[in-house]
Amino acid sequence: MQKHLPSFVTSLNLACGFIGIVMVLNHQMIAASLLTGIALIFDFADGALARALKCKSEFGKQIDSLADMVTFGVLPGVIAYQLLLDAFPHVLTNVIP
């Protein structure tokens, strides 16, 4: 059971990223920002747990990369896009005729 704990914490990071994206699309920017902060804590915790328990796995490395990409790559991009769309709705909606 202990060997799966770091991957579980990583999946919480990933869940924060996905839920944060949904929050942004529902115009709840503060909640999305808080979820990014919580995901950052999970990101540090999963690595610390894996080192402390000495249970590194290929699956753990792959899911950690996916979680980092979603939470710290896609989510900030969606936040930036939504903020630009809110600030300049006439510019971004007329890009494709």
PDB file of N, CA and C in Angstrom:
ATOM      1  N   MET A   1       0.825  -1.204   0.000  1.00  0.00           N
ATOM      2  CA  MET A   1       0.000   0.000   0.000  1.00  0.00           C
ATOM      3  C   MET A   1       0.864   1.260   0.000  1.00  0.00           C
ATOM      4  N   GLN A   2       1.947   1.265   0.763  1.00  0.00           N
ATOM      5  CA  GLN A   2       2.791   2.447   0.857  1.00  0.00           C
ATOM      6  C   GLN A   2       3.429   2.809  -0.466  1.00  0.00           C
ATOM      7  N   LYS A   3       3.694   1.806  -1.303  1.00  0.00           N
ATOM      8  CA  LYS A   3       4.367   2.103  -2.563  1.00  0.00           C
ATOM      9  C   LYS A   3       3.474   2.877  -3.534  1.00  0.00           C
ATOM     10  N   HIS A   4       2.166   2.862  -3.294  1.00  0.00           N
ATOM     11  CA  HIS A   4       1.238   3.588  -4.163  1.00  0.00           C
ATOM     12  C   HIS A   4       0.909   4.992  -3.654  1.00  0.00           C
ATOM     13  N   LEU A   5       1.331   5.308  -2.456  1.00  0.00           N
ATOM     14  CA  LEU A   5       1.004   6.609  -1.846  1.00  0.00           C
ATOM     15  C   LEU A   5       1.528   7.796  -2.651  1.00  0.00           C
ATOM     16  N   PRO A   6       2.777   7.807  -3.131  1.00  0.00           N
ATOM     17  CA  PRO A   6       3.230   8.947  -3.934  1.00  0.00           C
ATOM     18  C   PRO A   6       2.421   9.132  -5.219  1.00  0.00           C
ATOM     19  N   SER A   7       2.048   8.030  -5.870  1.00  0.00           N
ATOM     20  CA  SER A   7       1.233   8.139  -7.094  1.00  0.00           C
ATOM     21  C   SER A   7      -0.161   8.663  -6.782  1.00  0.00           C
ATOM     22  N   PHE A   8      -0.690   8.310  -5.613  1.00  0.00           N
ATOM     23  CA  PHE A   8      -1.992   8.835  -5.204  1.00  0.00           C
ATOM     24  C   PHE A   8      -1.924  10.344  -5.002  1.00  0.00           C
ATOM     25  N   VAL A   9      -0.864  10.801  -4.348  1.00  0.00           N
ATOM     26  CA  VAL A   9      -0.692  12.244  -4.126  1.00  0.00           C
ATOM     27  C   VAL A   9      -0.515  12.953  -5.472  1.00  0.00           C
ATOM     28  N   THR A  10       0.187  12.320  -6.396  1.00  0.00           N
ATOM     29  CA  THR A  10       0.340  12.890  -7.743  1.00  0.00           C
ATOM     30  C   THR A  10      -1.006  12.985  -8.437  1.00  0.00           C
ATOM     31  N   SER A  11      -1.861  11.983  -8.237  1.00  0.00           N
ATOM     32  CA  SER A  11      -3.186  12.030  -8.862  1.00  0.00           C
ATOM     33  C   SER A  11      -4.039  13.151  -8.266  1.00  0.00           C
ATOM     34  N   LEU A  12      -3.797  13.499  -7.010  1.00  0.00           N
ATOM     35  CA  LEU A  12      -4.487  14.657  -6.423  1.00  0.00           C
ATOM     36  C   LEU A  12      -4.022  15.950  -7.102  1.00  0.00           C
ATOM     37  N   ASN A  13      -2.738  16.017  -7.418  1.00  0.00           N
ATOM     38  CA  ASN A  13      -2.192  17.147  -8.179  1.00  0.00           C
ATOM     39  C   ASN A  13      -2.895  17.242  -9.532  1.00  0.00           C
ATOM     40  N   LEU A  14      -3.002  16.114 -10.216  1.00  0.00           N
ATOM     41  CA  LEU A  14      -3.646  16.078 -11.522  1.00  0.00           C
ATOM     42  C   LEU A  14      -5.119  16.479 -11.426  1.00  0.00           C
ATOM     43  N   ALA A  15      -5.797  15.996 -10.399  1.00  0.00           N
ATOM     44  CA  ALA A  15      -7.204  16.354 -10.197  1.00  0.00           C
ATOM     45  C   ALA A  15      -7.356  17.855  -9.976  1.00  0.00           C
ATOM     46  N   CYS A  16      -6.449  18.450  -9.215  1.00  0.00           N
ATOM     47  CA  CYS A  16      -6.488  19.906  -9.006  1.00  0.00           C
ATOM     48  C   CYS A  16      -6.350  20.639 -10.334  1.00  0.00           C
ATOM     49  N   GLY A  17      -5.490  20.132 -11.211  1.00  0.00           N
ATOM     50  CA  GLY A  17      -5.317  20.756 -12.519  1.00  0.00           C
ATOM     51  C   GLY A  17      -6.579  20.689 -13.353  1.00  0.00           C
ATOM     52  N   PHE A  18      -7.191  19.506 -13.424  1.00  0.00           N
ATOM     53  CA  PHE A  18      -8.413  19.353 -14.213  1.00  0.00           C
ATOM     54  C   PHE A  18      -9.563  20.183 -13.644  1.00  0.00           C
ATOM     55  N   ILE A  19      -9.730  20.141 -12.331  1.00  0.00           N
ATOM     56  CA  ILE A  19     -10.803  20.919 -11.702  1.00  0.00           C
ATOM     57  C   ILE A  19     -10.539  22.412 -11.873  1.00  0.00           C
ATOM     58  N   GLY A  20      -9.273  22.809 -11.804  1.00  0.00           N
ATOM     59  CA  GLY A  20      -8.924  24.209 -12.028  1.00  0.00           C
ATOM     60  C   GLY A  20      -9.298  24.684 -13.417  1.00  0.00           C
ATOM     61  N   ILE A  21      -9.099  23.838 -14.424  1.00  0.00           N
ATOM     62  CA  ILE A  21      -9.492  24.191 -15.793  1.00  0.00           C
ATOM     63  C   ILE A  21     -10.994  24.398 -15.873  1.00  0.00           C
ATOM     64  N   VAL A  22     -11.748  23.520 -15.238  1.00  0.00           N
ATOM     65  CA  VAL A  22     -13.214  23.659 -15.232  1.00  0.00           C
ATOM     66  C   VAL A  22     -13.604  24.953 -14.517  1.00  0.00           C
ATOM     67  N   MET A  23     -12.922  25.273 -13.428  1.00  0.00           N
ATOM     68  CA  MET A  23     -13.214  26.510 -12.694  1.00  0.00           C
ATOM     69  C   MET A  23     -12.967  27.744 -13.563  1.00  0.00           C
ATOM     70  N   VAL A  24     -11.871  27.737 -14.311  1.00  0.00           N
ATOM     71  CA  VAL A  24     -11.574  28.874 -15.192  1.00  0.00           C
ATOM     72  C   VAL A  24     -12.679  29.023 -16.229  1.00  0.00           C
ATOM     73  N   LEU A  25     -13.106  27.922 -16.811  1.00  0.00           N
ATOM     74  CA  LEU A  25     -14.154  27.982 -17.836  1.00  0.00           C
ATOM     75  C   LEU A  25     -15.493  28.434 -17.262  1.00  0.00           C
ATOM     76  N   ASN A  26     -15.648  28.321 -15.938  1.00  0.00           N
ATOM     77  CA  ASN A  26     -16.838  28.833 -15.262  1.00  0.00           C
ATOM     78  C   ASN A  26     -16.595  30.203 -14.626  1.00  0.00           C
ATOM     79  N   HIS A  27     -15.515  30.865 -15.038  1.00  0.00           N
ATOM     80  CA  HIS A  27     -15.154  32.217 -14.591  1.00  0.00           C
ATOM     81  C   HIS A  27     -14.927  32.297 -13.083  1.00  0.00           C
ATOM     82  N   GLN A  28     -14.351  31.255 -12.497  1.00  0.00           N
ATOM     83  CA  GLN A  28     -14.009  31.242 -11.078  1.00  0.00           C
ATOM     84  C   GLN A  28     -12.482  31.242 -10.959  1.00  0.00           C
ATOM     85  N   MET A  29     -11.889  32.380 -11.284  1.00  0.00           N
ATOM     86  CA  MET A  29     -10.436  32.508 -11.356  1.00  0.00           C
ATOM     87  C   MET A  29      -9.756  32.345 -10.004  1.00  0.00           C
ATOM     88  N   ILE A  30     -10.368  32.857  -8.942  1.00  0.00           N
ATOM     89  CA  ILE A  30      -9.749  32.750  -7.624  1.00  0.00           C
ATOM     90  C   ILE A  30      -9.683  31.292  -7.193  1.00  0.00           C
ATOM     91  N   ALA A  31     -10.764  30.549  -7.414  1.00  0.00           N
ATOM     92  CA  ALA A  31     -10.769  29.126  -7.064  1.00  0.00           C
ATOM     93  C   ALA A  31      -9.714  28.373  -7.873  1.00  0.00           C
ATOM     94  N   ALA A  32      -9.590  28.703  -9.149  1.00  0.00           N
ATOM     95  CA  ALA A  32      -8.586  28.051  -9.994  1.00  0.00           C
ATOM     96  C   ALA A  32      -7.179  28.369  -9.513  1.00  0.00           C
ATOM     97  N   SER A  33      -6.961  29.597  -9.095  1.00  0.00           N
ATOM     98  CA  SER A  33      -5.644  29.983  -8.580  1.00  0.00           C
ATOM     99  C   SER A  33      -5.325  29.257  -7.272  1.00  0.00           C
ATOM    100  N   LEU A  34      -6.313  29.124  -6.415  1.00  0.00           N
ATOM    101  CA  LEU A  34      -6.112  28.385  -5.163  1.00  0.00           C
ATOM    102  C   LEU A  34      -5.798  26.916  -5.440  1.00  0.00           C
ATOM    103  N   LEU A  35      -6.492  26.343  -6.413  1.00  0.00           N
ATOM    104  CA  LEU A  35      -6.222  24.952  -6.770  1.00  0.00           C
ATOM    105  C   LEU A  35      -4.807  24.779  -7.315  1.00  0.00           C
ATOM    106  N   THR A  36      -4.310  25.779  -8.015  1.00  0.00           N
ATOM    107  CA  THR A  36      -2.929  25.719  -8.492  1.00  0.00           C
ATOM    108  C   THR A  36      -1.961  25.696  -7.318  1.00  0.00           C
ATOM    109  N   GLY A  37      -2.228  26.495  -6.302  1.00  0.00           N
ATOM    110  CA  GLY A  37      -1.394  26.490  -5.102  1.00  0.00           C
ATOM    111  C   GLY A  37      -1.458  25.167  -4.354  1.00  0.00           C
ATOM    112  N   ILE A  38      -2.646  24.603  -4.245  1.00  0.00           N
ATOM    113  CA  ILE A  38      -2.800  23.301  -3.590  1.00  0.00           C
ATOM    114  C   ILE A  38      -2.065  22.226  -4.383  1.00  0.00           C
ATOM    115  N   ALA A  39      -2.164  22.298  -5.710  1.00  0.00           N
ATOM    116  CA  ALA A  39      -1.464  21.331  -6.564  1.00  0.00           C
ATOM    117  C   ALA A  39       0.045  21.441  -6.382  1.00  0.00           C
ATOM    118  N   LEU A  40       0.535  22.646  -6.165  1.00  0.00           N
ATOM    119  CA  LEU A  40       1.969  22.835  -5.931  1.00  0.00           C
ATOM    120  C   LEU A  40       2.410  22.107  -4.661  1.00  0.00           C
ATOM    121  N   ILE A  41       1.584  22.162  -3.641  1.00  0.00           N
ATOM    122  CA  ILE A  41       1.887  21.437  -2.397  1.00  0.00           C
ATOM    123  C   ILE A  41       1.911  19.930  -2.661  1.00  0.00           C
ATOM    124  N   PHE A  42       0.914  19.430  -3.409  1.00  0.00           N
ATOM    125  CA  PHE A  42       0.893  18.011  -3.757  1.00  0.00           C
ATOM    126  C   PHE A  42       2.113  17.626  -4.589  1.00  0.00           C
ATOM    127  N   ASP A  43       2.550  18.524  -5.456  1.00  0.00           N
ATOM    128  CA  ASP A  43       3.708  18.240  -6.306  1.00  0.00           C
ATOM    129  C   ASP A  43       4.971  18.069  -5.465  1.00  0.00           C
ATOM    130  N   PHE A  44       5.147  18.916  -4.472  1.00  0.00           N
ATOM    131  CA  PHE A  44       6.295  18.759  -3.583  1.00  0.00           C
ATOM    132  C   PHE A  44       6.152  17.510  -2.717  1.00  0.00           C
ATOM    133  N   ALA A  45       4.936  17.252  -2.243  1.00  0.00           N
ATOM    134  CA  ALA A  45       4.709  16.133  -1.334  1.00  0.00           C
ATOM    135  C   ALA A  45       4.932  14.782  -2.005  1.00  0.00           C
ATOM    136  N   ASP A  46       4.539  14.647  -3.280  1.00  0.00           N
ATOM    137  CA  ASP A  46       4.700  13.342  -3.916  1.00  0.00           C
ATOM    138  C   ASP A  46       6.165  12.974  -4.084  1.00  0.00           C
ATOM    139  N   GLY A  47       6.987  13.927  -4.437  1.00  0.00           N
ATOM    140  CA  GLY A  47       8.417  13.657  -4.557  1.00  0.00           C
ATOM    141  C   GLY A  47       9.050  13.339  -3.214  1.00  0.00           C
ATOM    142  N   ALA A  48       8.658  14.079  -2.191  1.00  0.00           N
ATOM    143  CA  ALA A  48       9.198  13.838  -0.852  1.00  0.00           C
ATOM    144  C   ALA A  48       8.783  12.458  -0.347  1.00  0.00           C
ATOM    145  N   LEU A  49       7.532  12.082  -0.598  1.00  0.00           N
ATOM    146  CA  LEU A  49       7.066  10.756  -0.188  1.00  0.00           C
ATOM    147  C   LEU A  49       7.808   9.651  -0.926  1.00  0.00           C
ATOM    148  N   ALA A  50       7.986   9.822  -2.222  1.00  0.00           N
ATOM    149  CA  ALA A  50       8.676   8.796  -3.015  1.00  0.00           C
ATOM    150  C   ALA A  50      10.114   8.600  -2.520  1.00  0.00           C
ATOM    151  N   ARG A  51      10.770   9.702  -2.174  1.00  0.00           N
ATOM    152  CA  ARG A  51      12.141   9.583  -1.664  1.00  0.00           C
ATOM    153  C   ARG A  51      12.157   8.972  -0.260  1.00  0.00           C
ATOM    154  N   ALA A  52      11.229   9.396   0.581  1.00  0.00           N
ATOM    155  CA  ALA A  52      11.196   8.899   1.960  1.00  0.00           C
ATOM    156  C   ALA A  52      10.852   7.414   2.018  1.00  0.00           C
ATOM    157  N   LEU A  53       9.913   6.993   1.165  1.00  0.00           N
ATOM    158  CA  LEU A  53       9.492   5.591   1.165  1.00  0.00           C
ATOM    159  C   LEU A  53      10.339   4.716   0.246  1.00  0.00           C
ATOM    160  N   LYS A  54      11.231   5.373  -0.507  1.00  0.00           N
ATOM    161  CA  LYS A  54      12.097   4.664  -1.468  1.00  0.00           C
ATOM    162  C   LYS A  54      11.282   3.789  -2.418  1.00  0.00           C
ATOM    163  N   CYS A  55      10.251   4.394  -2.969  1.00  0.00           N
ATOM    164  CA  CYS A  55       9.379   3.646  -3.880  1.00  0.00           C
ATOM    165  C   CYS A  55       9.179   4.435  -5.172  1.00  0.00           C
ATOM    166  N   LYS A  56      10.201   4.405  -6.007  1.00  0.00           N
ATOM    167  CA  LYS A  56      10.135   5.077  -7.297  1.00  0.00           C
ATOM    168  C   LYS A  56       9.706   4.065  -8.345  1.00  0.00           C
ATOM    169  N   SER A  57       8.873   4.513  -9.289  1.00  0.00           N
ATOM    170  CA  SER A  57       8.410   3.617 -10.345  1.00  0.00           C
ATOM    171  C   SER A  57       8.308   4.381 -11.661  1.00  0.00           C
ATOM    172  N   GLU A  58       8.291   3.634 -12.734  1.00  0.00           N
ATOM    173  CA  GLU A  58       8.124   4.237 -14.057  1.00  0.00           C
ATOM    174  C   GLU A  58       6.746   4.892 -14.160  1.00  0.00           C
ATOM    175  N   PHE A  59       5.725   4.217 -13.624  1.00  0.00           N
ATOM    176  CA  PHE A  59       4.383   4.793 -13.625  1.00  0.00           C
ATOM    177  C   PHE A  59       4.369   6.115 -12.868  1.00  0.00           C
ATOM    178  N   GLY A  60       5.039   6.154 -11.725  1.00  0.00           N
ATOM    179  CA  GLY A  60       5.086   7.381 -10.930  1.00  0.00           C
ATOM    180  C   GLY A  60       5.733   8.529 -11.682  1.00  0.00           C
ATOM    181  N   LYS A  61       6.809   8.232 -12.422  1.00  0.00           N
ATOM    182  CA  LYS A  61       7.469   9.282 -13.210  1.00  0.00           C
ATOM    183  C   LYS A  61       6.556   9.803 -14.309  1.00  0.00           C
ATOM    184  N   GLN A  62       5.842   8.882 -14.965  1.00  0.00           N
ATOM    185  CA  GLN A  62       4.987   9.281 -16.077  1.00  0.00           C
ATOM    186  C   GLN A  62       3.778  10.087 -15.605  1.00  0.00           C
ATOM    187  N   ILE A  63       3.135   9.648 -14.533  1.00  0.00           N
ATOM    188  CA  ILE A  63       1.961  10.377 -14.048  1.00  0.00           C
ATOM    189  C   ILE A  63       2.372  11.730 -13.464  1.00  0.00           C
ATOM    190  N   ASP A  64       3.578  11.803 -12.889  1.00  0.00           N
ATOM    191  CA  ASP A  64       4.070  13.084 -12.382  1.00  0.00           C
ATOM    192  C   ASP A  64       4.283  14.067 -13.528  1.00  0.00           C
ATOM    193  N   SER A  65       4.836  13.590 -14.634  1.00  0.00           N
ATOM    194  CA  SER A  65       5.023  14.461 -15.799  1.00  0.00           C
ATOM    195  C   SER A  65       3.686  14.928 -16.354  1.00  0.00           C
ATOM    196  N   LEU A  66       2.713  14.026 -16.430  1.00  0.00           N
ATOM    197  CA  LEU A  66       1.385  14.394 -16.922  1.00  0.00           C
ATOM    198  C   LEU A  66       0.734  15.424 -16.006  1.00  0.00           C
ATOM    199  N   ALA A  67       0.802  15.183 -14.700  1.00  0.00           N
ATOM    200  CA  ALA A  67       0.200  16.112 -13.743  1.00  0.00           C
ATOM    201  C   ALA A  67       0.845  17.485 -13.833  1.00  0.00           C
ATOM    202  N   ASP A  68       2.166  17.520 -13.944  1.00  0.00           N
ATOM    203  CA  ASP A  68       2.859  18.807 -14.061  1.00  0.00           C
ATOM    204  C   ASP A  68       2.469  19.529 -15.346  1.00  0.00           C
ATOM    205  N   MET A  69       2.321  18.783 -16.428  1.00  0.00           N
ATOM    206  CA  MET A  69       1.954  19.406 -17.699  1.00  0.00           C
ATOM    207  C   MET A  69       0.554  20.016 -17.635  1.00  0.00           C
ATOM    208  N   VAL A  70      -0.383  19.273 -17.050  1.00  0.00           N
ATOM    209  CA  VAL A  70      -1.758  19.772 -16.963  1.00  0.00           C
ATOM    210  C   VAL A  70      -1.843  20.946 -15.991  1.00  0.00           C
ATOM    211  N   THR A  71      -1.307  20.758 -14.792  1.00  0.00           N
ATOM    212  CA  THR A  71      -1.486  21.752 -13.735  1.00  0.00           C
ATOM    213  C   THR A  71      -0.645  23.004 -13.930  1.00  0.00           C
ATOM    214  N   PHE A  72       0.586  22.833 -14.406  1.00  0.00           N
ATOM    215  CA  PHE A  72       1.483  23.984 -14.498  1.00  0.00           C
ATOM    216  C   PHE A  72       1.756  24.404 -15.938  1.00  0.00           C
ATOM    217  N   GLY A  73       1.078  23.771 -16.892  1.00  0.00           N
ATOM    218  CA  GLY A  73       1.210  24.132 -18.299  1.00  0.00           C
ATOM    219  C   GLY A  73      -0.130  24.523 -18.905  1.00  0.00           C
ATOM    220  N   VAL A  74      -1.050  23.570 -18.920  1.00  0.00           N
ATOM    221  CA  VAL A  74      -2.358  23.812 -19.540  1.00  0.00           C
ATOM    222  C   VAL A  74      -3.192  24.789 -18.715  1.00  0.00           C
ATOM    223  N   LEU A  75      -3.275  24.566 -17.410  1.00  0.00           N
ATOM    224  CA  LEU A  75      -4.099  25.442 -16.562  1.00  0.00           C
ATOM    225  C   LEU A  75      -3.677  26.913 -16.641  1.00  0.00           C
ATOM    226  N   PRO A  76      -2.403  27.257 -16.499  1.00  0.00           N
ATOM    227  CA  PRO A  76      -2.038  28.671 -16.655  1.00  0.00           C
ATOM    228  C   PRO A  76      -2.335  29.211 -18.055  1.00  0.00           C
ATOM    229  N   GLY A  77      -2.199  28.355 -19.073  1.00  0.00           N
ATOM    230  CA  GLY A  77      -2.536  28.785 -20.433  1.00  0.00           C
ATOM    231  C   GLY A  77      -4.014  29.091 -20.579  1.00  0.00           C
ATOM    232  N   VAL A  78      -4.848  28.256 -19.973  1.00  0.00           N
ATOM    233  CA  VAL A  78      -6.300  28.488 -20.016  1.00  0.00           C
ATOM    234  C   VAL A  78      -6.654  29.747 -19.237  1.00  0.00           C
ATOM    235  N   ILE A  79      -5.991  29.952 -18.097  1.00  0.00           N
ATOM    236  CA  ILE A  79      -6.227  31.182 -17.322  1.00  0.00           C
ATOM    237  C   ILE A  79      -5.858  32.405 -18.159  1.00  0.00           C
ATOM    238  N   ALA A  80      -4.693  32.380 -18.788  1.00  0.00           N
ATOM    239  CA  ALA A  80      -4.258  33.514 -19.608  1.00  0.00           C
ATOM    240  C   ALA A  80      -5.219  33.755 -20.761  1.00  0.00           C
ATOM    241  N   TYR A  81      -5.644  32.690 -21.427  1.00  0.00           N
ATOM    242  CA  TYR A  81      -6.581  32.834 -22.548  1.00  0.00           C
ATOM    243  C   TYR A  81      -7.896  33.439 -22.072  1.00  0.00           C
ATOM    244  N   GLN A  82      -8.415  32.958 -20.941  1.00  0.00           N
ATOM    245  CA  GLN A  82      -9.690  33.462 -20.437  1.00  0.00           C
ATOM    246  C   GLN A  82      -9.575  34.933 -20.031  1.00  0.00           C
ATOM    247  N   LEU A  83      -8.449  35.305 -19.419  1.00  0.00           N
ATOM    248  CA  LEU A  83      -8.261  36.714 -19.048  1.00  0.00           C
ATOM    249  C   LEU A  83      -8.178  37.602 -20.288  1.00  0.00           C
ATOM    250  N   LEU A  84      -7.482  37.131 -21.317  1.00  0.00           N
ATOM    251  CA  LEU A  84      -7.419  37.900 -22.571  1.00  0.00           C
ATOM    252  C   LEU A  84      -8.783  37.987 -23.239  1.00  0.00           C
ATOM    253  N   LEU A  85      -9.507  36.883 -23.201  1.00  0.00           N
ATOM    254  CA  LEU A  85     -10.847  36.880 -23.794  1.00  0.00           C
ATOM    255  C   LEU A  85     -11.774  37.843 -23.058  1.00  0.00           C
ATOM    256  N   ASP A  86     -11.646  37.898 -21.743  1.00  0.00           N
ATOM    257  CA  ASP A  86     -12.459  38.836 -20.957  1.00  0.00           C
ATOM    258  C   ASP A  86     -12.053  40.288 -21.210  1.00  0.00           C
ATOM    259  N   ALA A  87     -10.752  40.521 -21.399  1.00  0.00           N
ATOM    260  CA  ALA A  87     -10.263  41.886 -21.596  1.00  0.00           C
ATOM    261  C   ALA A  87     -10.517  42.399 -23.007  1.00  0.00           C
ATOM    262  N   PHE A  88     -10.403  41.523 -23.999  1.00  0.00           N
ATOM    263  CA  PHE A  88     -10.540  41.916 -25.403  1.00  0.00           C
ATOM    264  C   PHE A  88     -11.489  40.980 -26.142  1.00  0.00           C
ATOM    265  N   PRO A  89     -12.766  40.968 -25.784  1.00  0.00           N
ATOM    266  CA  PRO A  89     -13.675  39.996 -26.407  1.00  0.00           C
ATOM    267  C   PRO A  89     -13.862  40.222 -27.903  1.00  0.00           C
ATOM    268  N   HIS A  90     -13.817  41.460 -28.353  1.00  0.00           N
ATOM    269  CA  HIS A  90     -14.036  41.754 -29.769  1.00  0.00           C
ATOM    270  C   HIS A  90     -12.853  41.335 -30.631  1.00  0.00           C
ATOM    271  N   VAL A  91     -11.662  41.299 -30.066  1.00  0.00           N
ATOM    272  CA  VAL A  91     -10.465  40.945 -30.841  1.00  0.00           C
ATOM    273  C   VAL A  91     -10.380  39.430 -31.025  1.00  0.00           C
ATOM    274  N   LEU A  92     -10.534  38.690 -29.934  1.00  0.00           N
ATOM    275  CA  LEU A  92     -10.326  37.257 -29.997  1.00  0.00           C
ATOM    276  C   LEU A  92     -11.490  36.495 -30.637  1.00  0.00           C
ATOM    277  N   THR A  93     -12.673  37.057 -30.612  1.00  0.00           N
ATOM    278  CA  THR A  93     -13.808  36.348 -31.212  1.00  0.00           C
ATOM    279  C   THR A  93     -13.872  36.546 -32.708  1.00  0.00           C
ATOM    280  N   ASN A  94     -13.164  37.545 -33.252  1.00  0.00           N
ATOM    281  CA  ASN A  94     -13.195  37.803 -34.690  1.00  0.00           C
ATOM    282  C   ASN A  94     -11.927  37.321 -35.402  1.00  0.00           C
ATOM    283  N   VAL A  95     -11.187  36.407 -34.783  1.00  0.00           N
ATOM    284  CA  VAL A  95      -9.950  35.934 -35.389  1.00  0.00           C
ATOM    285  C   VAL A  95     -10.253  35.084 -36.618  1.00  0.00           C
ATOM    286  N   ILE A  96     -11.231  34.197 -36.514  1.00  0.00           N
ATOM    287  CA  ILE A  96     -11.613  33.335 -37.638  1.00  0.00           C
ATOM    288  C   ILE A  96     -12.927  33.875 -38.224  1.00  0.00           C
ATOM    289  N   PRO A  97     -12.904  34.244 -39.512  1.00  0.00           N
ATOM    290  CA  PRO A  97     -14.132  34.819 -40.095  1.00  0.00           C
ATOM    291  C   PRO A  97     -15.237  33.814 -40.279  1.00  0.00           C
TER     292      PRO A  97
END
